[in-house]
């Protein structure tokens, strides 16, 4: 029995020793170069415990250098895997880009090889005039392509000061796919749009926007909203149903297609009903 206890004790000692860092750094700086020999990324921090394959970091800041912009990632803690180049950020994670995008979450995985970031935690995103949050994300580090997985809320603010009528709110169960290079956002599953005096319900919603490049950073402007699948629209005292609908927010014009049906002055209790019967 004593021999067995001694074996367990020595195993515990050896295991504890193996977990000790091989090296400790203060105010460190790790960096990598691209094929042209220019700095493509760097990781800075207050302290680093270096193990054989993992570097554990405190008060970390990572930077990505692109030809047209810089991307900065901050977190209180992080783990850098030297074998696969992946960085796991933890606690108060913030990403900012020089083009005006910002992401906030509790934890984030940065895959440098595949140029992607991901998390299952709640995510807040700000991009100029657009604010969004949801649960879980897969995106590019520059935030030009974003996939919010669940429980999506998006608010698109007016470019005109103090004009709440121009604000558009969109919710859906998810996912939401945003592609800033193609200027389109696609909402899926139980989509609801609220803008001024109109409400739109649908299975899917495509939002097209343009960017006003005269200002810096640029502002997103919604040019068209296209709803499809079980479309229901409430506008003032009218309710309409169709398979598809196109809405132009700036002109407040609405085009229905696919067996459209209009109910004029329905019962009051039906106006905000969520059913699409």
Protein backbone atom coordinates (compact mmCIF):
# COMPACT_ATOMS: atom_id res chain seq x y z
CA UNK A 1 0.00 0.00 0.00
CA UNK A 2 2.85 2.39 0.90
CA UNK A 3 4.58 1.63 -2.40
CA UNK A 4 1.38 2.48 -4.30
CA UNK A 5 1.06 5.79 -2.41
CA UNK A 6 4.72 6.63 -3.14
CA UNK A 7 4.17 5.93 -6.85
CA UNK A 8 1.17 8.26 -6.92
CA UNK A 9 3.17 10.93 -5.09
CA UNK A 10 6.07 10.79 -7.55
CA UNK A 11 3.66 10.83 -10.51
CA UNK A 12 2.08 13.98 -9.08
CA UNK A 13 5.51 15.63 -8.64
CA UNK A 14 6.59 14.73 -12.17
CA UNK A 15 3.33 15.96 -13.63
CA UNK A 16 3.60 19.26 -11.76
CA UNK A 17 7.18 19.69 -12.97
CA UNK A 18 6.13 19.03 -16.56
CA UNK A 19 3.60 21.85 -16.35
CA UNK A 20 6.25 24.42 -15.41
CA UNK A 21 7.07 26.80 -18.27
CA UNK A 22 10.40 26.37 -19.99
CA UNK A 23 10.84 30.13 -20.19
CA UNK A 24 9.11 33.27 -18.95
CA UNK A 25 9.16 36.60 -20.77
CA UNK A 26 8.03 40.08 -19.79
CA UNK A 27 6.92 42.69 -22.32
CA UNK A 28 7.38 40.22 -25.17
CA UNK A 29 6.97 40.60 -28.93
CA UNK A 30 6.38 37.70 -31.35
CA UNK A 31 6.12 38.36 -35.08
CA UNK A 32 5.93 36.68 -38.47
CA UNK A 33 6.86 37.67 -42.01
CA UNK A 34 5.07 37.18 -45.31
CA UNK A 35 6.64 35.81 -48.50
CA UNK A 36 7.99 39.27 -49.37
CA UNK A 37 9.84 39.48 -46.07
CA UNK A 38 7.50 42.12 -44.65
CA UNK A 39 5.92 41.85 -41.21
CA UNK A 40 2.46 40.27 -41.61
CA UNK A 41 1.55 39.81 -37.94
CA UNK A 42 2.84 40.37 -34.42
CA UNK A 43 1.75 39.47 -30.89
CA UNK A 44 2.66 41.71 -27.95
CA UNK A 45 1.93 41.24 -24.28
CA UNK A 46 2.78 41.91 -20.66
CA UNK A 47 4.06 38.40 -19.90
CA UNK A 48 4.46 35.02 -21.59
CA UNK A 49 4.93 31.54 -20.14
CA UNK A 50 6.55 29.46 -22.86
CA UNK A 51 5.96 25.70 -22.89
CA UNK A 52 7.13 23.23 -25.52
CA UNK A 53 4.13 23.77 -27.82
CA UNK A 54 2.03 26.47 -26.12
CA UNK A 55 2.71 30.07 -25.13
CA UNK A 56 0.39 31.44 -22.42
CA UNK A 57 0.01 35.19 -22.60
CA UNK A 58 -1.23 38.01 -20.36
CA UNK A 59 -2.57 41.41 -21.50
CA UNK A 60 -2.10 40.44 -25.11
CA UNK A 61 -2.43 42.48 -28.29
CA UNK A 62 -2.14 40.96 -31.76
CA UNK A 63 -1.85 42.92 -34.99
CA UNK A 64 -2.43 41.91 -38.60
CA UNK A 65 -0.88 44.04 -41.31
CA UNK A 66 -2.75 44.22 -44.61
CA UNK A 67 -1.93 46.39 -47.66
CA UNK A 68 -5.11 48.45 -47.20
CA UNK A 69 -5.69 48.30 -43.42
CA UNK A 70 -4.53 47.12 -40.00
CA UNK A 71 -6.43 44.79 -37.66
CA UNK A 72 -5.90 44.78 -33.90
CA UNK A 73 -6.96 42.03 -31.45
CA UNK A 74 -6.84 42.58 -27.67
CA UNK A 75 -7.55 40.31 -24.70
CA UNK A 76 -6.57 39.91 -21.06
CA UNK A 77 -5.40 36.33 -21.64
CA UNK A 78 -4.43 34.18 -24.62
CA UNK A 79 -2.84 30.90 -25.62
CA UNK A 80 -0.69 30.68 -28.75
CA UNK A 81 -0.16 27.23 -30.29
CA UNK A 82 3.29 27.25 -31.90
CA UNK A 83 2.58 24.12 -33.95
CA UNK A 84 -0.52 25.27 -35.83
CA UNK A 85 -0.27 29.04 -35.38
CA UNK A 86 -3.67 29.31 -33.68
CA UNK A 87 -4.33 31.94 -31.03
CA UNK A 88 -7.10 31.57 -28.44
CA UNK A 89 -8.07 34.89 -26.86
CA UNK A 90 -9.93 35.04 -23.53
CA UNK A 91 -11.59 37.71 -21.38
CA UNK A 92 -12.59 41.13 -22.76
CA UNK A 93 -11.75 40.30 -26.35
CA UNK A 94 -11.88 43.26 -28.74
CA UNK A 95 -11.13 43.47 -32.47
CA UNK A 96 -10.83 46.82 -34.23
CA UNK A 97 -9.96 47.68 -37.82
CA UNK A 98 -8.70 50.93 -39.29
CA UNK A 99 -11.81 50.98 -41.52
CA UNK A 100 -14.17 51.45 -38.60
CA UNK A 101 -15.29 47.92 -37.63
CA UNK A 102 -15.30 46.67 -34.03
CA UNK A 103 -16.10 43.29 -32.45
CA UNK A 104 -16.48 42.52 -28.72
CA UNK A 105 -16.83 39.04 -27.16
CA UNK A 106 -15.68 36.90 -24.21
CA UNK A 107 -13.47 34.46 -26.12
CA UNK A 108 -12.22 34.08 -29.66
CA UNK A 109 -10.20 31.59 -31.71
CA UNK A 110 -7.95 33.10 -34.36
CA UNK A 111 -6.77 30.66 -37.03
CA UNK A 112 -3.91 32.50 -38.71
CA UNK A 113 -3.39 29.83 -41.40
CA UNK A 114 -7.03 29.83 -42.57
CA UNK A 115 -7.47 33.56 -41.83
CA UNK A 116 -10.62 33.06 -39.73
CA UNK A 117 -11.95 33.94 -36.28
CA UNK A 118 -14.68 32.04 -34.41
CA UNK A 119 -16.48 31.75 -31.08
CA UNK A 120 -19.63 30.26 -29.59
CA UNK A 121 -20.05 33.17 -27.17
CA UNK A 122 -22.21 36.27 -27.52
CA UNK A 123 -20.78 38.76 -30.00
CA UNK A 124 -21.32 42.51 -30.45
CA UNK A 125 -20.33 44.08 -33.78
CA UNK A 126 -20.22 47.74 -34.80
CA UNK A 127 -19.46 48.81 -38.34
CA UNK A 128 -19.98 52.50 -38.90
CA UNK A 129 -23.80 52.89 -39.04
CA UNK A 130 -24.59 49.20 -38.36
CA UNK A 131 -24.81 47.59 -34.91
CA UNK A 132 -25.36 43.83 -34.55
CA UNK A 133 -25.22 41.14 -31.92
CA UNK A 134 -25.80 37.40 -31.87
CA UNK A 135 -24.64 34.10 -30.41
CA UNK A 136 -21.64 32.53 -32.13
CA UNK A 137 -19.64 33.77 -35.09
CA UNK A 138 -17.40 32.64 -37.93
CA UNK A 139 -15.73 35.51 -39.75
CA UNK A 140 -12.65 36.90 -41.43
CA UNK A 141 -10.34 38.86 -39.09
CA UNK A 142 -10.94 42.03 -41.09
CA UNK A 143 -14.71 41.56 -40.47
CA UNK A 144 -15.51 41.90 -44.19
CA UNK A 145 -17.27 38.53 -44.14
CA UNK A 146 -19.32 37.62 -41.05
CA UNK A 147 -21.60 34.72 -40.17
CA UNK A 148 -23.60 35.26 -36.96
CA UNK A 149 -25.08 31.91 -35.96
CA UNK A 150 -28.09 32.46 -33.63
CA UNK A 151 -30.46 35.00 -32.04
CA UNK A 152 -29.48 37.85 -34.33
CA UNK A 153 -30.34 41.51 -33.72
CA UNK A 154 -29.28 44.25 -36.17
CA UNK A 155 -29.88 47.98 -36.00
CA UNK A 156 -29.06 50.20 -38.95
CA UNK A 157 -28.94 53.81 -37.88
CA UNK A 158 -29.88 56.80 -39.96
CA UNK A 159 -27.16 58.88 -41.53
CA UNK A 160 -29.30 61.91 -40.73
CA UNK A 161 -28.92 63.24 -37.24
CA UNK A 162 -31.93 62.86 -34.89
CA UNK A 163 -34.08 61.05 -37.45
CA UNK A 164 -35.46 57.89 -35.74
CA UNK A 165 -37.76 57.20 -38.71
CA UNK A 166 -34.73 56.21 -40.80
CA UNK A 167 -33.59 53.59 -38.28
CA UNK A 168 -34.11 49.98 -39.41
CA UNK A 169 -34.22 47.08 -36.92
CA UNK A 170 -33.94 43.45 -38.09
CA UNK A 171 -34.11 40.29 -35.99
CA UNK A 172 -33.95 36.59 -36.90
CA UNK A 173 -33.20 33.21 -35.39
CA UNK A 174 -30.14 32.98 -37.62
CA UNK A 175 -27.83 32.60 -39.21
CA UNK A 176 -26.99 36.02 -40.59
CA UNK A 177 -24.43 36.25 -43.39
CA UNK A 178 -22.80 39.63 -44.10
CA UNK A 179 -20.49 40.17 -47.05
CA UNK A 180 -19.15 43.72 -47.10
CA UNK A 181 -17.23 43.07 -50.33
CA UNK A 182 -20.51 42.27 -52.14
CA UNK A 183 -22.55 44.76 -50.05
CA UNK A 184 -25.20 42.24 -49.00
CA UNK A 185 -26.55 40.78 -45.76
CA UNK A 186 -28.78 37.68 -45.70
CA UNK A 187 -31.01 36.90 -42.69
CA UNK A 188 -32.53 33.43 -42.16
CA UNK A 189 -35.42 31.96 -40.13
CA UNK A 190 -38.25 34.01 -38.59
CA UNK A 191 -37.03 37.35 -39.89
CA UNK A 192 -38.67 40.57 -38.72
CA UNK A 193 -37.98 44.08 -40.06
CA UNK A 194 -39.20 47.28 -38.42
CA UNK A 195 -38.78 50.61 -40.22
CA UNK A 196 -40.86 53.71 -39.58
CA UNK A 197 -44.52 52.64 -39.98
CA UNK A 198 -43.84 49.26 -41.65
CA UNK A 199 -43.18 45.74 -40.34
CA UNK A 200 -42.02 42.89 -42.57
CA UNK A 201 -42.01 39.19 -41.64
CA UNK A 202 -40.42 36.50 -43.82
CA UNK A 203 -38.43 33.26 -43.90
CA UNK A 204 -35.43 34.96 -45.53
CA UNK A 205 -34.36 38.56 -46.02
CA UNK A 206 -31.70 40.01 -48.29
CA UNK A 207 -30.48 43.52 -47.50
CA UNK A 208 -28.48 45.38 -50.14
CA UNK A 209 -26.44 48.41 -49.20
CA UNK A 210 -23.95 50.82 -50.69
CA UNK A 211 -21.13 52.72 -49.06
CA UNK A 212 -20.75 56.46 -49.18
CA UNK A 213 -17.00 56.81 -49.69
CA UNK A 214 -16.96 60.56 -49.37
CA UNK A 215 -16.62 60.27 -45.60
CA UNK A 216 -14.02 58.43 -43.56
CA UNK A 217 -14.86 55.88 -42.40
CA UNK A 218 -17.52 55.14 -45.01
CA UNK A 219 -21.20 54.84 -44.07
CA UNK A 220 -23.53 52.04 -45.10
CA UNK A 221 -26.74 53.07 -46.84
CA UNK A 222 -29.56 50.56 -47.39
CA UNK A 223 -30.67 50.57 -51.02
CA UNK A 224 -33.06 47.59 -51.14
CA UNK A 225 -34.68 45.00 -48.88
CA UNK A 226 -35.84 41.77 -50.52
CA UNK A 227 -38.03 39.37 -48.50
CA UNK A 228 -39.01 35.88 -49.59
CA UNK A 229 -40.94 32.99 -48.14
CA UNK A 230 -44.21 33.49 -46.20
CA UNK A 231 -43.98 37.25 -46.45
CA UNK A 232 -46.30 39.27 -44.24
CA UNK A 233 -46.29 43.06 -44.17
CA UNK A 234 -48.06 45.34 -41.72
CA UNK A 235 -48.32 48.97 -42.80
CA UNK A 236 -50.55 51.39 -40.98
CA UNK A 237 -53.98 49.67 -41.00
CA UNK A 238 -53.23 47.28 -43.88
CA UNK A 239 -51.86 43.75 -43.87
CA UNK A 240 -50.52 42.08 -47.01
CA UNK A 241 -49.31 38.56 -47.77
CA UNK A 242 -47.14 37.33 -50.62
CA UNK A 243 -44.37 34.93 -51.56
CA UNK A 244 -41.90 37.75 -52.22
CA UNK A 245 -41.60 41.47 -51.53
CA UNK A 246 -39.17 44.24 -52.43
CA UNK A 247 -38.93 47.31 -50.20
CA UNK A 248 -37.00 50.50 -51.02
CA UNK A 249 -36.42 52.23 -47.65
CA UNK A 250 -35.36 55.61 -49.00
CA UNK A 251 -38.51 55.96 -51.11
CA UNK A 252 -40.68 53.83 -48.81
CA UNK A 253 -41.89 51.93 -51.89
CA UNK A 254 -43.15 48.36 -51.66
CA UNK A 255 -43.56 45.80 -54.46
CA UNK A 256 -45.33 42.47 -53.81
CA UNK A 257 -45.02 39.41 -56.06
CA UNK A 258 -46.10 35.78 -55.90
CA UNK A 259 -49.84 35.55 -55.14
CA UNK A 260 -50.10 38.86 -53.29
CA UNK A 261 -53.10 39.41 -51.03
CA UNK A 262 -54.06 42.66 -49.33
CA UNK A 263 -56.37 43.06 -46.35
CA UNK A 264 -57.54 46.63 -45.83
CA UNK A 265 -58.46 47.82 -42.33
CA UNK A 266 -58.33 44.41 -40.59
CA UNK A 267 -59.37 43.87 -37.02
CA UNK A 268 -57.07 45.66 -34.57
CA UNK A 269 -55.98 42.48 -32.83
CA UNK A 270 -54.76 41.04 -36.15
CA UNK A 271 -52.31 43.83 -36.93
CA UNK A 272 -49.47 42.59 -34.76
CA UNK A 273 -50.24 38.90 -35.03
CA UNK A 274 -47.19 36.83 -35.80
CA UNK A 275 -49.09 34.17 -37.75
CA UNK A 276 -48.89 34.22 -41.52
CA UNK A 277 -52.07 32.27 -42.22
